[in-house]
């Protein structure tokens, strides 16, 4: 089974990925691929730079660039059950679906998500609630709807095959993920 995972900021995509890796899935991350390129360019890793570098790479190599790169890595690894985490464009989502995969959305209430990002404290998470909201608004809808290179998480969410709302315990999340997988397998 191939899953493209998307969702809102701080919803728990990484927690879902960790759960699935524990179930035998191999993990490939768009965020990590973007970070590799940022480091190669000698830039600071922050959400703005991530957005700009990702859009630049998609404009140069195609709107499904990161999904294609990670799909190639999975093929080289001969992975059968794998995750491409952080699908951000509709073209990346379409590519996952073209290859027989599914789009899984992870979401949670805003207050829960903001508390989570403050708690994890990564380089992209040191923001006020207002900055958090502005970042999410920027990522949810395309800055340029005529150019598929820009992020459009709302568009990807609209393509979802299943959604998991991560608003409870880890045990409850595991049950919700299993229910989503059962739905996708049926």
C-alpha atoms as a PDB file:
ATOM      1  CA  UNK A   1       0.000   0.000   0.000  1.00  0.00           C
ATOM      2  CA  UNK A   2       1.237   3.466  -0.876  1.00  0.00           C
ATOM      3  CA  UNK A   3       0.082   6.478   1.115  1.00  0.00           C
ATOM      4  CA  UNK A   4       0.572  10.161   0.409  1.00  0.00           C
ATOM      5  CA  UNK A   5       0.072  11.989   3.686  1.00  0.00           C
ATOM      6  CA  UNK A   6      -1.017  15.597   3.972  1.00  0.00           C
ATOM      7  CA  UNK A   7      -2.707  17.721   6.570  1.00  0.00           C
ATOM      8  CA  UNK A   8      -2.770  20.878   8.562  1.00  0.00           C
ATOM      9  CA  UNK A   9       0.253  22.253  10.441  1.00  0.00           C
ATOM     10  CA  UNK A  10       0.778  20.423  13.739  1.00  0.00           C
ATOM     11  CA  UNK A  11      -1.991  17.896  13.115  1.00  0.00           C
ATOM     12  CA  UNK A  12       0.260  14.939  13.855  1.00  0.00           C
ATOM     13  CA  UNK A  13       1.347  13.765  10.404  1.00  0.00           C
ATOM     14  CA  UNK A  14       4.672  12.655  11.882  1.00  0.00           C
ATOM     15  CA  UNK A  15       2.932  10.730  14.653  1.00  0.00           C
ATOM     16  CA  UNK A  16       0.803   8.917  12.070  1.00  0.00           C
ATOM     17  CA  UNK A  17       3.956   8.206  10.052  1.00  0.00           C
ATOM     18  CA  UNK A  18       5.679   6.793  13.155  1.00  0.00           C
ATOM     19  CA  UNK A  19       2.681   4.536  13.753  1.00  0.00           C
ATOM     20  CA  UNK A  20       2.725   3.296  10.154  1.00  0.00           C
ATOM     21  CA  UNK A  21       6.495   2.746  10.179  1.00  0.00           C
ATOM     22  CA  UNK A  22       5.881   0.553  13.237  1.00  0.00           C
ATOM     23  CA  UNK A  23       3.475  -1.429  11.054  1.00  0.00           C
ATOM     24  CA  UNK A  24       6.145  -2.025   8.388  1.00  0.00           C
ATOM     25  CA  UNK A  25       5.778   0.995   6.102  1.00  0.00           C
ATOM     26  CA  UNK A  26       8.886   2.717   4.725  1.00  0.00           C
ATOM     27  CA  UNK A  27       8.929   6.503   5.149  1.00  0.00           C
ATOM     28  CA  UNK A  28       9.905   9.167   2.603  1.00  0.00           C
ATOM     29  CA  UNK A  29       9.524  12.841   3.538  1.00  0.00           C
ATOM     30  CA  UNK A  30       8.968  15.804   1.226  1.00  0.00           C
ATOM     31  CA  UNK A  31      10.013  18.079   4.096  1.00  0.00           C
ATOM     32  CA  UNK A  32      13.350  16.255   4.407  1.00  0.00           C
ATOM     33  CA  UNK A  33      13.927  16.479   0.644  1.00  0.00           C
ATOM     34  CA  UNK A  34      13.242  20.225   0.730  1.00  0.00           C
ATOM     35  CA  UNK A  35      15.521  20.638   3.746  1.00  0.00           C
ATOM     36  CA  UNK A  36      18.310  18.812   1.883  1.00  0.00           C
ATOM     37  CA  UNK A  37      18.019  21.358  -0.938  1.00  0.00           C
ATOM     38  CA  UNK A  38      17.932  24.304   1.491  1.00  0.00           C
ATOM     39  CA  UNK A  39      21.107  23.050   3.159  1.00  0.00           C
ATOM     40  CA  UNK A  40      22.753  22.518  -0.231  1.00  0.00           C
ATOM     41  CA  UNK A  41      21.986  26.161  -1.030  1.00  0.00           C
ATOM     42  CA  UNK A  42      23.345  27.330   2.332  1.00  0.00           C
ATOM     43  CA  UNK A  43      20.062  28.932   3.403  1.00  0.00           C
ATOM     44  CA  UNK A  44      18.332  29.071   6.774  1.00  0.00           C
ATOM     45  CA  UNK A  45      15.750  26.394   7.438  1.00  0.00           C
ATOM     46  CA  UNK A  46      12.444  28.085   8.203  1.00  0.00           C
ATOM     47  CA  UNK A  47       8.916  27.801   6.854  1.00  0.00           C
ATOM     48  CA  UNK A  48       9.308  30.736   4.439  1.00  0.00           C
ATOM     49  CA  UNK A  49      12.519  29.338   2.937  1.00  0.00           C
ATOM     50  CA  UNK A  50      10.962  25.882   2.728  1.00  0.00           C
ATOM     51  CA  UNK A  51       8.013  27.294   0.765  1.00  0.00           C
ATOM     52  CA  UNK A  52      10.227  29.339  -1.553  1.00  0.00           C
ATOM     53  CA  UNK A  53      12.738  26.565  -2.261  1.00  0.00           C
ATOM     54  CA  UNK A  54       9.995  23.968  -2.776  1.00  0.00           C
ATOM     55  CA  UNK A  55       8.165  26.224  -5.232  1.00  0.00           C
ATOM     56  CA  UNK A  56      11.417  26.979  -7.051  1.00  0.00           C
ATOM     57  CA  UNK A  57      12.228  23.278  -7.416  1.00  0.00           C
ATOM     58  CA  UNK A  58       8.710  22.503  -8.616  1.00  0.00           C
ATOM     59  CA  UNK A  59       8.873  25.313 -11.188  1.00  0.00           C
ATOM     60  CA  UNK A  60      12.225  24.016 -12.480  1.00  0.00           C
ATOM     61  CA  UNK A  61      11.409  20.292 -12.468  1.00  0.00           C
ATOM     62  CA  UNK A  62       7.604  20.006 -12.549  1.00  0.00           C
ATOM     63  CA  UNK A  63       4.816  20.409 -10.025  1.00  0.00           C
ATOM     64  CA  UNK A  64       5.048  16.767  -8.915  1.00  0.00           C
ATOM     65  CA  UNK A  65       8.846  16.952  -8.483  1.00  0.00           C
ATOM     66  CA  UNK A  66       9.151  15.918  -4.827  1.00  0.00           C
ATOM     67  CA  UNK A  67       6.635  13.117  -5.148  1.00  0.00           C
ATOM     68  CA  UNK A  68       8.525  11.857  -8.218  1.00  0.00           C
ATOM     69  CA  UNK A  69      11.904  12.023  -6.462  1.00  0.00           C
ATOM     70  CA  UNK A  70      10.615  10.152  -3.433  1.00  0.00           C
ATOM     71  CA  UNK A  71       8.770   7.632  -5.581  1.00  0.00           C
ATOM     72  CA  UNK A  72      12.084   6.917  -7.334  1.00  0.00           C
ATOM     73  CA  UNK A  73      13.770   6.421  -3.952  1.00  0.00           C
ATOM     74  CA  UNK A  74      11.044   3.982  -2.941  1.00  0.00           C
ATOM     75  CA  UNK A  75      11.453   2.102  -6.224  1.00  0.00           C
ATOM     76  CA  UNK A  76      15.220   1.942  -5.727  1.00  0.00           C
ATOM     77  CA  UNK A  77      14.596   0.560  -2.230  1.00  0.00           C
ATOM     78  CA  UNK A  78      12.040  -1.903  -3.668  1.00  0.00           C
ATOM     79  CA  UNK A  79       9.580  -0.654  -1.061  1.00  0.00           C
ATOM     80  CA  UNK A  80       6.100  -2.096  -1.397  1.00  0.00           C
ATOM     81  CA  UNK A  81       4.351  -0.422   1.537  1.00  0.00           C
ATOM     82  CA  UNK A  82       5.512   3.157   1.858  1.00  0.00           C
ATOM     83  CA  UNK A  83       4.529   6.682   2.805  1.00  0.00           C
ATOM     84  CA  UNK A  84       5.312   9.934   1.077  1.00  0.00           C
ATOM     85  CA  UNK A  85       4.803  12.458   3.850  1.00  0.00           C
ATOM     86  CA  UNK A  86       3.896  16.117   3.389  1.00  0.00           C
ATOM     87  CA  UNK A  87       2.151  16.087   0.027  1.00  0.00           C
ATOM     88  CA  UNK A  88       1.565  19.784  -0.658  1.00  0.00           C
ATOM     89  CA  UNK A  89       0.482  20.138  -4.303  1.00  0.00           C
ATOM     90  CA  UNK A  90      -2.389  18.630  -6.228  1.00  0.00           C
ATOM     91  CA  UNK A  91       0.072  17.369  -8.861  1.00  0.00           C
ATOM     92  CA  UNK A  92       1.980  15.415  -6.179  1.00  0.00           C
ATOM     93  CA  UNK A  93      -1.336  13.976  -4.968  1.00  0.00           C
ATOM     94  CA  UNK A  94      -2.388  13.104  -8.529  1.00  0.00           C
ATOM     95  CA  UNK A  95       0.928  11.305  -9.073  1.00  0.00           C
ATOM     96  CA  UNK A  96       0.399   9.224  -5.910  1.00  0.00           C
ATOM     97  CA  UNK A  97      -3.074   8.281  -7.136  1.00  0.00           C
ATOM     98  CA  UNK A  98      -1.863   7.545 -10.685  1.00  0.00           C
ATOM     99  CA  UNK A  99       0.573   5.044  -9.210  1.00  0.00           C
ATOM    100  CA  UNK A 100      -2.184   3.289  -7.266  1.00  0.00           C
ATOM    101  CA  UNK A 101      -1.670   5.062  -3.943  1.00  0.00           C
ATOM    102  CA  UNK A 102      -4.038   6.847  -1.609  1.00  0.00           C
ATOM    103  CA  UNK A 103      -4.125  10.292  -0.012  1.00  0.00           C
ATOM    104  CA  UNK A 104      -4.538  10.289   3.770  1.00  0.00           C
ATOM    105  CA  UNK A 105      -5.289  13.568   5.559  1.00  0.00           C
ATOM    106  CA  UNK A 106      -4.354  14.191   9.185  1.00  0.00           C
ATOM    107  CA  UNK A 107      -6.166  17.040  10.933  1.00  0.00           C
ATOM    108  CA  UNK A 108      -6.863  18.323  14.455  1.00  0.00           C
ATOM    109  CA  UNK A 109      -8.463  21.394  16.038  1.00  0.00           C
ATOM    110  CA  UNK A 110      -6.407  24.592  15.708  1.00  0.00           C
ATOM    111  CA  UNK A 111      -5.745  25.047  19.448  1.00  0.00           C
ATOM    112  CA  UNK A 112      -4.438  21.484  19.727  1.00  0.00           C
ATOM    113  CA  UNK A 113      -2.233  21.940  16.664  1.00  0.00           C
ATOM    114  CA  UNK A 114      -0.759  25.233  17.900  1.00  0.00           C
ATOM    115  CA  UNK A 115       0.037  23.717  21.308  1.00  0.00           C
ATOM    116  CA  UNK A 116       1.754  20.817  19.546  1.00  0.00           C
ATOM    117  CA  UNK A 117       4.015  22.979  17.414  1.00  0.00           C
ATOM    118  CA  UNK A 118       4.998  25.096  20.413  1.00  0.00           C
ATOM    119  CA  UNK A 119       5.872  21.880  22.251  1.00  0.00           C
ATOM    120  CA  UNK A 120       8.005  20.363  19.488  1.00  0.00           C
ATOM    121  CA  UNK A 121      10.039  23.547  19.034  1.00  0.00           C
ATOM    122  CA  UNK A 122      11.619  22.879  15.637  1.00  0.00           C
ATOM    123  CA  UNK A 123      13.212  25.645  13.570  1.00  0.00           C
ATOM    124  CA  UNK A 124       9.895  26.254  11.770  1.00  0.00           C
ATOM    125  CA  UNK A 125       7.717  26.238  14.908  1.00  0.00           C
ATOM    126  CA  UNK A 126       8.865  29.276  16.890  1.00  0.00           C
ATOM    127  CA  UNK A 127       5.900  31.473  15.930  1.00  0.00           C
ATOM    128  CA  UNK A 128       3.041  33.389  17.505  1.00  0.00           C
ATOM    129  CA  UNK A 129      -0.539  32.209  17.059  1.00  0.00           C
ATOM    130  CA  UNK A 130      -1.047  34.966  14.475  1.00  0.00           C
ATOM    131  CA  UNK A 131       2.051  33.845  12.530  1.00  0.00           C
ATOM    132  CA  UNK A 132       0.851  30.239  12.762  1.00  0.00           C
ATOM    133  CA  UNK A 133      -2.505  31.224  11.272  1.00  0.00           C
ATOM    134  CA  UNK A 134      -0.860  33.279   8.512  1.00  0.00           C
ATOM    135  CA  UNK A 135       1.493  30.425   7.600  1.00  0.00           C
ATOM    136  CA  UNK A 136      -1.353  27.969   7.428  1.00  0.00           C
ATOM    137  CA  UNK A 137      -3.471  30.325   5.326  1.00  0.00           C
ATOM    138  CA  UNK A 138      -0.559  30.713   2.895  1.00  0.00           C
ATOM    139  CA  UNK A 139      -0.123  26.945   2.560  1.00  0.00           C
ATOM    140  CA  UNK A 140      -3.796  25.994   2.389  1.00  0.00           C
ATOM    141  CA  UNK A 141      -4.563  27.784  -0.868  1.00  0.00           C
ATOM    142  CA  UNK A 142      -2.300  28.436  -3.802  1.00  0.00           C
ATOM    143  CA  UNK A 143      -0.603  31.813  -4.056  1.00  0.00           C
ATOM    144  CA  UNK A 144      -1.034  31.446  -7.819  1.00  0.00           C
ATOM    145  CA  UNK A 145      -3.957  29.172  -8.736  1.00  0.00           C
ATOM    146  CA  UNK A 146      -2.868  29.039 -12.389  1.00  0.00           C
ATOM    147  CA  UNK A 147       0.533  27.567 -11.434  1.00  0.00           C
ATOM    148  CA  UNK A 148       0.458  24.041  -9.937  1.00  0.00           C
ATOM    149  CA  UNK A 149       3.987  24.549  -8.529  1.00  0.00           C
ATOM    150  CA  UNK A 150       2.593  26.434  -5.539  1.00  0.00           C
ATOM    151  CA  UNK A 151       1.347  24.689  -2.410  1.00  0.00           C
ATOM    152  CA  UNK A 152      -2.354  24.003  -2.268  1.00  0.00           C
ATOM    153  CA  UNK A 153      -3.032  21.831   0.748  1.00  0.00           C
ATOM    154  CA  UNK A 154      -6.779  22.521   0.555  1.00  0.00           C
ATOM    155  CA  UNK A 155      -6.745  21.105  -2.980  1.00  0.00           C
ATOM    156  CA  UNK A 156      -4.878  18.007  -1.775  1.00  0.00           C
ATOM    157  CA  UNK A 157      -7.281  17.590   1.151  1.00  0.00           C
ATOM    158  CA  UNK A 158     -10.164  17.746  -1.315  1.00  0.00           C
ATOM    159  CA  UNK A 159      -8.578  14.772  -3.137  1.00  0.00           C
ATOM    160  CA  UNK A 160      -8.302  12.683   0.035  1.00  0.00           C
ATOM    161  CA  UNK A 161      -9.298   9.050   0.167  1.00  0.00           C
ATOM    162  CA  UNK A 162      -9.466   9.073   3.992  1.00  0.00           C
ATOM    163  CA  UNK A 163      -9.122  11.521   6.881  1.00  0.00           C
ATOM    164  CA  UNK A 164      -7.891  10.940  10.418  1.00  0.00           C
ATOM    165  CA  UNK A 165      -8.752  13.518  13.089  1.00  0.00           C
ATOM    166  CA  UNK A 166      -5.987  13.426  15.687  1.00  0.00           C
ATOM    167  CA  UNK A 167      -7.719  14.927  18.703  1.00  0.00           C
ATOM    168  CA  UNK A 168      -7.290  12.252  21.354  1.00  0.00           C
ATOM    169  CA  UNK A 169      -4.792   9.822  22.803  1.00  0.00           C
ATOM    170  CA  UNK A 170      -2.127   7.911  20.878  1.00  0.00           C
ATOM    171  CA  UNK A 171      -4.190   4.762  21.340  1.00  0.00           C
ATOM    172  CA  UNK A 172      -7.248   6.459  19.830  1.00  0.00           C
ATOM    173  CA  UNK A 173      -5.108   7.734  16.955  1.00  0.00           C
ATOM    174  CA  UNK A 174      -3.865   4.210  16.247  1.00  0.00           C
ATOM    175  CA  UNK A 175      -7.460   2.961  16.077  1.00  0.00           C
ATOM    176  CA  UNK A 176      -8.415   5.778  13.694  1.00  0.00           C
ATOM    177  CA  UNK A 177      -5.434   5.005  11.450  1.00  0.00           C
ATOM    178  CA  UNK A 178      -6.401   1.321  11.378  1.00  0.00           C
ATOM    179  CA  UNK A 179      -9.976   2.261  10.449  1.00  0.00           C
ATOM    180  CA  UNK A 180      -8.677   4.477   7.634  1.00  0.00           C
ATOM    181  CA  UNK A 181      -6.415   1.702   6.335  1.00  0.00           C
ATOM    182  CA  UNK A 182      -9.325  -0.751   6.392  1.00  0.00           C
ATOM    183  CA  UNK A 183     -11.406   1.722   4.394  1.00  0.00           C
ATOM    184  CA  UNK A 184      -8.633   2.147   1.832  1.00  0.00           C
ATOM    185  CA  UNK A 185      -8.097  -1.609   1.482  1.00  0.00           C
ATOM    186  CA  UNK A 186     -11.792  -2.330   0.892  1.00  0.00           C
END
